């Protein structure tokens, strides 16, 4: 009996009274432990790795639950933790999970071995994703440069065509103006000539 248990029964006068107190204390402790273990089991079953989460962070959460369970008297085996990890991974690990299940004996696989394997796959996956991102950005820059060049060429062609049409229109206007001016001068000269002939004819006839 430890000091804490002795304190509970130090004032008891009979063995029966002490027994009842110790039994209630231990049964109450067992109930608390069972309740905590039930909550841990729920957390364990609901645990899933998020899409933006890394393997190390997920493993930390899993180990926290396992350590709490161990402190309460229940130990999670490596096989249980390995299976839970494989079930909880997001879709990007689907190919790797299939390869592990086909090539490895999951029942005998250690958790640290699985985590190391998954971290290697995760690093390779991120590196490939980054490489594809760089390639896509390079292609986008090339397309943007090409589009800008095409736009400059189109603008230059449009300005050239507009200038050509403007010059043609201006020449037509100038030509039409000179023609109109010549016609007006000819009409004026014709009217002036007819008036002079009328005046001469009038003088010759003696006038009115």
C-alpha atoms as a PDB file:
ATOM      1  CA  UNK A   1       0.000   0.000   0.000  1.00  0.00           C
ATOM      2  CA  UNK A   2       1.394   3.385  -1.001  1.00  0.00           C
ATOM      3  CA  UNK A   3       1.183   6.634   0.940  1.00  0.00           C
ATOM      4  CA  UNK A   4      -1.823   7.926  -0.993  1.00  0.00           C
ATOM      5  CA  UNK A   5      -3.803   4.762  -0.345  1.00  0.00           C
ATOM      6  CA  UNK A   6      -2.861   4.864   3.342  1.00  0.00           C
ATOM      7  CA  UNK A   7      -4.140   8.414   3.623  1.00  0.00           C
ATOM      8  CA  UNK A   8      -7.541   7.222   2.411  1.00  0.00           C
ATOM      9  CA  UNK A   9      -7.907   4.655   5.195  1.00  0.00           C
ATOM     10  CA  UNK A  10      -5.827   6.214   7.970  1.00  0.00           C
ATOM     11  CA  UNK A  11      -8.932   7.312   9.876  1.00  0.00           C
ATOM     12  CA  UNK A  12     -10.857   4.037   9.453  1.00  0.00           C
ATOM     13  CA  UNK A  13     -11.664   2.112  12.592  1.00  0.00           C
ATOM     14  CA  UNK A  14     -12.464  -1.272  10.988  1.00  0.00           C
ATOM     15  CA  UNK A  15     -10.978  -3.380   8.221  1.00  0.00           C
ATOM     16  CA  UNK A  16     -14.321  -3.519   6.470  1.00  0.00           C
ATOM     17  CA  UNK A  17     -14.515   0.262   6.268  1.00  0.00           C
ATOM     18  CA  UNK A  18     -10.999   0.437   4.888  1.00  0.00           C
ATOM     19  CA  UNK A  19     -11.766  -2.265   2.332  1.00  0.00           C
ATOM     20  CA  UNK A  20     -14.857  -0.464   1.077  1.00  0.00           C
ATOM     21  CA  UNK A  21     -12.912   2.781   0.691  1.00  0.00           C
ATOM     22  CA  UNK A  22     -10.060   1.113  -1.201  1.00  0.00           C
ATOM     23  CA  UNK A  23     -12.472  -0.818  -3.422  1.00  0.00           C
ATOM     24  CA  UNK A  24     -14.376   2.342  -4.330  1.00  0.00           C
ATOM     25  CA  UNK A  25     -11.133   4.212  -5.027  1.00  0.00           C
ATOM     26  CA  UNK A  26      -9.751   1.487  -7.304  1.00  0.00           C
ATOM     27  CA  UNK A  27     -13.017   0.890  -9.121  1.00  0.00           C
ATOM     28  CA  UNK A  28     -13.356   4.619  -9.679  1.00  0.00           C
ATOM     29  CA  UNK A  29      -9.836   4.714 -11.131  1.00  0.00           C
ATOM     30  CA  UNK A  30     -10.610   1.804 -13.441  1.00  0.00           C
ATOM     31  CA  UNK A  31     -13.727   3.579 -14.674  1.00  0.00           C
ATOM     32  CA  UNK A  32     -11.729   6.728 -15.426  1.00  0.00           C
ATOM     33  CA  UNK A  33      -9.075   4.714 -17.264  1.00  0.00           C
ATOM     34  CA  UNK A  34     -11.697   2.882 -19.304  1.00  0.00           C
ATOM     35  CA  UNK A  35     -13.332   6.170 -20.244  1.00  0.00           C
ATOM     36  CA  UNK A  36     -10.007   7.664 -21.329  1.00  0.00           C
ATOM     37  CA  UNK A  37      -9.131   4.551 -23.303  1.00  0.00           C
ATOM     38  CA  UNK A  38     -12.485   4.730 -25.063  1.00  0.00           C
ATOM     39  CA  UNK A  39     -11.848   8.335 -26.051  1.00  0.00           C
ATOM     40  CA  UNK A  40      -8.376   7.402 -27.291  1.00  0.00           C
ATOM     41  CA  UNK A  41      -9.849   4.565 -29.356  1.00  0.00           C
ATOM     42  CA  UNK A  42     -12.259   7.015 -30.977  1.00  0.00           C
ATOM     43  CA  UNK A  43      -9.421   9.436 -31.735  1.00  0.00           C
ATOM     44  CA  UNK A  44      -7.344   6.580 -33.116  1.00  0.00           C
ATOM     45  CA  UNK A  45     -10.074   5.381 -35.479  1.00  0.00           C
ATOM     46  CA  UNK A  46     -10.971   8.908 -36.678  1.00  0.00           C
ATOM     47  CA  UNK A  47      -7.383   9.978 -37.295  1.00  0.00           C
ATOM     48  CA  UNK A  48      -6.650  10.715 -40.973  1.00  0.00           C
ATOM     49  CA  UNK A  49      -3.734  12.369 -42.701  1.00  0.00           C
ATOM     50  CA  UNK A  50      -4.702  15.703 -44.278  1.00  0.00           C
ATOM     51  CA  UNK A  51      -3.881  16.554 -47.905  1.00  0.00           C
ATOM     52  CA  UNK A  52      -1.449  19.316 -46.903  1.00  0.00           C
ATOM     53  CA  UNK A  53       0.054  17.339 -44.014  1.00  0.00           C
ATOM     54  CA  UNK A  54       3.440  15.619 -44.090  1.00  0.00           C
ATOM     55  CA  UNK A  55       4.228  12.087 -42.937  1.00  0.00           C
ATOM     56  CA  UNK A  56       6.250  13.287 -39.943  1.00  0.00           C
ATOM     57  CA  UNK A  57       3.357  15.356 -38.557  1.00  0.00           C
ATOM     58  CA  UNK A  58       0.862  12.529 -39.000  1.00  0.00           C
ATOM     59  CA  UNK A  59       3.225  10.031 -37.338  1.00  0.00           C
ATOM     60  CA  UNK A  60       3.624  12.402 -34.404  1.00  0.00           C
ATOM     61  CA  UNK A  61      -0.149  12.481 -33.863  1.00  0.00           C
ATOM     62  CA  UNK A  62      -0.361   8.693 -34.123  1.00  0.00           C
ATOM     63  CA  UNK A  63       2.457   8.166 -31.624  1.00  0.00           C
ATOM     64  CA  UNK A  64       0.878  10.623 -29.165  1.00  0.00           C
ATOM     65  CA  UNK A  65      -2.280   8.510 -29.063  1.00  0.00           C
ATOM     66  CA  UNK A  66      -0.267   5.289 -28.722  1.00  0.00           C
ATOM     67  CA  UNK A  67       1.781   6.738 -25.844  1.00  0.00           C
ATOM     68  CA  UNK A  68      -1.330   7.923 -24.011  1.00  0.00           C
ATOM     69  CA  UNK A  69      -2.881   4.489 -24.396  1.00  0.00           C
ATOM     70  CA  UNK A  70       0.315   2.845 -23.091  1.00  0.00           C
ATOM     71  CA  UNK A  71       0.245   5.113 -20.020  1.00  0.00           C
ATOM     72  CA  UNK A  72      -3.279   3.884 -19.323  1.00  0.00           C
ATOM     73  CA  UNK A  73      -2.246   0.258 -19.582  1.00  0.00           C
ATOM     74  CA  UNK A  74      -2.984  -0.584 -23.226  1.00  0.00           C
ATOM     75  CA  UNK A  75      -0.217  -1.057 -25.779  1.00  0.00           C
ATOM     76  CA  UNK A  76      -0.796  -0.655 -29.522  1.00  0.00           C
ATOM     77  CA  UNK A  77       1.272  -3.169 -31.487  1.00  0.00           C
ATOM     78  CA  UNK A  78       3.403  -2.163 -34.484  1.00  0.00           C
ATOM     79  CA  UNK A  79       1.113  -4.189 -36.754  1.00  0.00           C
ATOM     80  CA  UNK A  80      -1.902  -2.200 -35.568  1.00  0.00           C
ATOM     81  CA  UNK A  81      -0.098   1.126 -36.039  1.00  0.00           C
ATOM     82  CA  UNK A  82       1.230   0.119 -39.483  1.00  0.00           C
ATOM     83  CA  UNK A  83      -2.224  -0.907 -40.708  1.00  0.00           C
ATOM     84  CA  UNK A  84      -3.740   2.277 -39.318  1.00  0.00           C
ATOM     85  CA  UNK A  85      -1.119   4.404 -41.101  1.00  0.00           C
ATOM     86  CA  UNK A  86      -1.700   2.682 -44.448  1.00  0.00           C
ATOM     87  CA  UNK A  87      -5.473   3.156 -44.109  1.00  0.00           C
ATOM     88  CA  UNK A  88      -5.154   6.833 -43.223  1.00  0.00           C
ATOM     89  CA  UNK A  89      -2.965   8.120 -46.060  1.00  0.00           C
ATOM     90  CA  UNK A  90      -4.379  10.515 -48.716  1.00  0.00           C
ATOM     91  CA  UNK A  91      -4.856   9.602 -52.380  1.00  0.00           C
ATOM     92  CA  UNK A  92      -1.370  10.692 -53.472  1.00  0.00           C
ATOM     93  CA  UNK A  93       0.057   7.691 -51.575  1.00  0.00           C
ATOM     94  CA  UNK A  94      -2.301   5.149 -53.162  1.00  0.00           C
ATOM     95  CA  UNK A  95       0.321   3.700 -55.519  1.00  0.00           C
ATOM     96  CA  UNK A  96       2.893   3.432 -52.719  1.00  0.00           C
ATOM     97  CA  UNK A  97       0.440   1.768 -50.326  1.00  0.00           C
ATOM     98  CA  UNK A  98      -0.391  -0.866 -52.942  1.00  0.00           C
ATOM     99  CA  UNK A  99       3.305  -1.520 -53.574  1.00  0.00           C
ATOM    100  CA  UNK A 100       4.037  -1.914 -49.845  1.00  0.00           C
ATOM    101  CA  UNK A 101       1.112  -4.263 -49.250  1.00  0.00           C
ATOM    102  CA  UNK A 102       2.205  -6.455 -52.175  1.00  0.00           C
ATOM    103  CA  UNK A 103       5.922  -6.483 -51.384  1.00  0.00           C
ATOM    104  CA  UNK A 104       5.948  -6.463 -47.565  1.00  0.00           C
ATOM    105  CA  UNK A 105       4.449  -8.532 -44.773  1.00  0.00           C
ATOM    106  CA  UNK A 106       2.434  -5.841 -43.014  1.00  0.00           C
ATOM    107  CA  UNK A 107       1.955  -8.021 -39.921  1.00  0.00           C
ATOM    108  CA  UNK A 108       5.720  -8.092 -39.290  1.00  0.00           C
ATOM    109  CA  UNK A 109       6.575  -4.611 -40.505  1.00  0.00           C
ATOM    110  CA  UNK A 110       7.853  -2.083 -37.958  1.00  0.00           C
ATOM    111  CA  UNK A 111       6.301   1.379 -37.785  1.00  0.00           C
ATOM    112  CA  UNK A 112       9.635   3.202 -38.088  1.00  0.00           C
ATOM    113  CA  UNK A 113      10.430   1.177 -41.235  1.00  0.00           C
ATOM    114  CA  UNK A 114       7.110   2.157 -42.792  1.00  0.00           C
ATOM    115  CA  UNK A 115       7.499   5.827 -41.877  1.00  0.00           C
ATOM    116  CA  UNK A 116      10.990   5.979 -43.378  1.00  0.00           C
ATOM    117  CA  UNK A 117       9.723   4.354 -46.570  1.00  0.00           C
ATOM    118  CA  UNK A 118       6.828   6.799 -46.838  1.00  0.00           C
ATOM    119  CA  UNK A 119       9.045   9.832 -46.148  1.00  0.00           C
ATOM    120  CA  UNK A 120      11.344   8.822 -49.017  1.00  0.00           C
ATOM    121  CA  UNK A 121       8.353   8.515 -51.329  1.00  0.00           C
ATOM    122  CA  UNK A 122       7.032  11.880 -50.105  1.00  0.00           C
ATOM    123  CA  UNK A 123      10.323  13.665 -50.851  1.00  0.00           C
ATOM    124  CA  UNK A 124      10.474  12.173 -54.360  1.00  0.00           C
ATOM    125  CA  UNK A 125       6.846  13.116 -54.967  1.00  0.00           C
ATOM    126  CA  UNK A 126       7.437  16.732 -53.925  1.00  0.00           C
ATOM    127  CA  UNK A 127      10.590  16.946 -56.055  1.00  0.00           C
ATOM    128  CA  UNK A 128       8.747  15.694 -59.151  1.00  0.00           C
ATOM    129  CA  UNK A 129       5.845  18.028 -58.484  1.00  0.00           C
ATOM    130  CA  UNK A 130       8.236  20.978 -58.159  1.00  0.00           C
ATOM    131  CA  UNK A 131       9.990  20.009 -61.409  1.00  0.00           C
ATOM    132  CA  UNK A 132       6.666  19.851 -63.256  1.00  0.00           C
ATOM    133  CA  UNK A 133       5.733  23.234 -61.808  1.00  0.00           C
ATOM    134  CA  UNK A 134       8.978  24.782 -63.051  1.00  0.00           C
ATOM    135  CA  UNK A 135       8.462  23.244 -66.498  1.00  0.00           C
ATOM    136  CA  UNK A 136       4.892  24.555 -66.663  1.00  0.00           C
ATOM    137  CA  UNK A 137       6.030  28.038 -65.642  1.00  0.00           C
ATOM    138  CA  UNK A 138       8.717  27.965 -68.343  1.00  0.00           C
ATOM    139  CA  UNK A 139       6.163  26.918 -70.955  1.00  0.00           C
ATOM    140  CA  UNK A 140       3.828  29.674 -69.784  1.00  0.00           C
ATOM    141  CA  UNK A 141       6.595  32.271 -70.043  1.00  0.00           C
ATOM    142  CA  UNK A 142       7.424  31.081 -73.584  1.00  0.00           C
ATOM    143  CA  UNK A 143       3.767  31.268 -74.553  1.00  0.00           C
ATOM    144  CA  UNK A 144       3.442  34.739 -73.032  1.00  0.00           C
ATOM    145  CA  UNK A 145       6.532  35.969 -74.902  1.00  0.00           C
ATOM    146  CA  UNK A 146       5.231  34.467 -78.131  1.00  0.00           C
ATOM    147  CA  UNK A 147       1.816  36.047 -77.618  1.00  0.00           C
ATOM    148  CA  UNK A 148       3.400  39.444 -76.956  1.00  0.00           C
ATOM    149  CA  UNK A 149       5.517  39.113 -80.123  1.00  0.00           C
ATOM    150  CA  UNK A 150       2.461  38.133 -82.158  1.00  0.00           C
ATOM    151  CA  UNK A 151       0.520  41.073 -80.721  1.00  0.00           C
ATOM    152  CA  UNK A 152       3.339  43.477 -81.622  1.00  0.00           C
ATOM    153  CA  UNK A 153       3.456  42.091 -85.163  1.00  0.00           C
ATOM    154  CA  UNK A 154      -0.332  42.341 -85.531  1.00  0.00           C
ATOM    155  CA  UNK A 155      -0.280  45.918 -84.238  1.00  0.00           C
ATOM    156  CA  UNK A 156       2.503  46.848 -86.633  1.00  0.00           C
ATOM    157  CA  UNK A 157       0.614  45.335 -89.568  1.00  0.00           C
ATOM    158  CA  UNK A 158      -2.581  47.126 -88.553  1.00  0.00           C
ATOM    159  CA  UNK A 159      -0.800  50.473 -88.301  1.00  0.00           C
ATOM    160  CA  UNK A 160       0.849  49.942 -91.694  1.00  0.00           C
ATOM    161  CA  UNK A 161      -2.475  49.104 -93.326  1.00  0.00           C
ATOM    162  CA  UNK A 162      -4.190  52.063 -91.646  1.00  0.00           C
ATOM    163  CA  UNK A 163      -1.445  54.414 -92.793  1.00  0.00           C
ATOM    164  CA  UNK A 164      -1.696  53.085 -96.342  1.00  0.00           C
ATOM    165  CA  UNK A 165      -5.470  53.578 -96.435  1.00  0.00           C
ATOM    166  CA  UNK A 166      -5.138  57.059 -94.997  1.00  0.00           C
ATOM    167  CA  UNK A 167      -2.601  58.057 -97.630  1.00  0.00           C
ATOM    168  CA  UNK A 168      -4.819  56.671-100.412  1.00  0.00           C
ATOM    169  CA  UNK A 169      -7.821  58.576 -99.047  1.00  0.00           C
ATOM    170  CA  UNK A 170      -5.773  61.758 -98.777  1.00  0.00           C
ATOM    171  CA  UNK A 171      -4.599  61.445-102.391  1.00  0.00           C
ATOM    172  CA  UNK A 172      -8.204  60.973-103.540  1.00  0.00           C
ATOM    173  CA  UNK A 173      -9.309  64.052-101.611  1.00  0.00           C
ATOM    174  CA  UNK A 174      -6.491  66.150-103.086  1.00  0.00           C
ATOM    175  CA  UNK A 175      -7.256  64.899-106.585  1.00  0.00           C
ATOM    176  CA  UNK A 176     -10.961  65.589-106.198  1.00  0.00           C
ATOM    177  CA  UNK A 177     -10.226  69.054-104.873  1.00  0.00           C
ATOM    178  CA  UNK A 178      -8.064  69.968-107.853  1.00  0.00           C
ATOM    179  CA  UNK A 179     -10.668  68.603-110.269  1.00  0.00           C
ATOM    180  CA  UNK A 180     -13.438  70.591-108.640  1.00  0.00           C
ATOM    181  CA  UNK A 181     -11.321  73.701-108.711  1.00  0.00           C
ATOM    182  CA  UNK A 182     -10.579  73.273-112.440  1.00  0.00           C
ATOM    183  CA  UNK A 183     -14.261  72.715-113.230  1.00  0.00           C
ATOM    184  CA  UNK A 184     -15.232  75.821-111.305  1.00  0.00           C
ATOM    185  CA  UNK A 185     -12.656  77.925-113.206  1.00  0.00           C
ATOM    186  CA  UNK A 186     -13.868  76.569-116.551  1.00  0.00           C
ATOM    187  CA  UNK A 187     -17.506  77.376-115.738  1.00  0.00           C
ATOM    188  CA  UNK A 188     -16.545  80.852-114.645  1.00  0.00           C
ATOM    189  CA  UNK A 189     -14.566  81.447-117.827  1.00  0.00           C
ATOM    190  CA  UNK A 190     -17.467  80.135-119.960  1.00  0.00           C
ATOM    191  CA  UNK A 191     -19.997  82.421-118.280  1.00  0.00           C
ATOM    192  CA  UNK A 192     -17.649  85.387-118.591  1.00  0.00           C
ATOM    193  CA  UNK A 193     -17.152  84.652-122.309  1.00  0.00           C
ATOM    194  CA  UNK A 194     -20.926  84.482-122.941  1.00  0.00           C
ATOM    195  CA  UNK A 195     -21.473  87.748-121.086  1.00  0.00           C
ATOM    196  CA  UNK A 196     -18.836  89.510-123.174  1.00  0.00           C
ATOM    197  CA  UNK A 197     -20.450  88.268-126.396  1.00  0.00           C
ATOM    198  CA  UNK A 198     -23.823  89.546-125.178  1.00  0.00           C
ATOM    199  CA  UNK A 199     -22.375  92.970-124.462  1.00  0.00           C
ATOM    200  CA  UNK A 200     -20.764  93.171-127.893  1.00  0.00           C
ATOM    201  CA  UNK A 201     -23.988  92.126-129.592  1.00  0.00           C
ATOM    202  CA  UNK A 202     -25.870  94.702-127.611  1.00  0.00           C
ATOM    203  CA  UNK A 203     -23.525  97.529-128.605  1.00  0.00           C
ATOM    204  CA  UNK A 204     -23.653  96.508-132.255  1.00  0.00           C
ATOM    205  CA  UNK A 205     -27.435  96.565-132.257  1.00  0.00           C
ATOM    206  CA  UNK A 206     -27.554 100.112-130.864  1.00  0.00           C
ATOM    207  CA  UNK A 207     -28.368  99.163-127.294  1.00  0.00           C
ATOM    208  CA  UNK A 208     -31.599  99.627-125.349  1.00  0.00           C
END
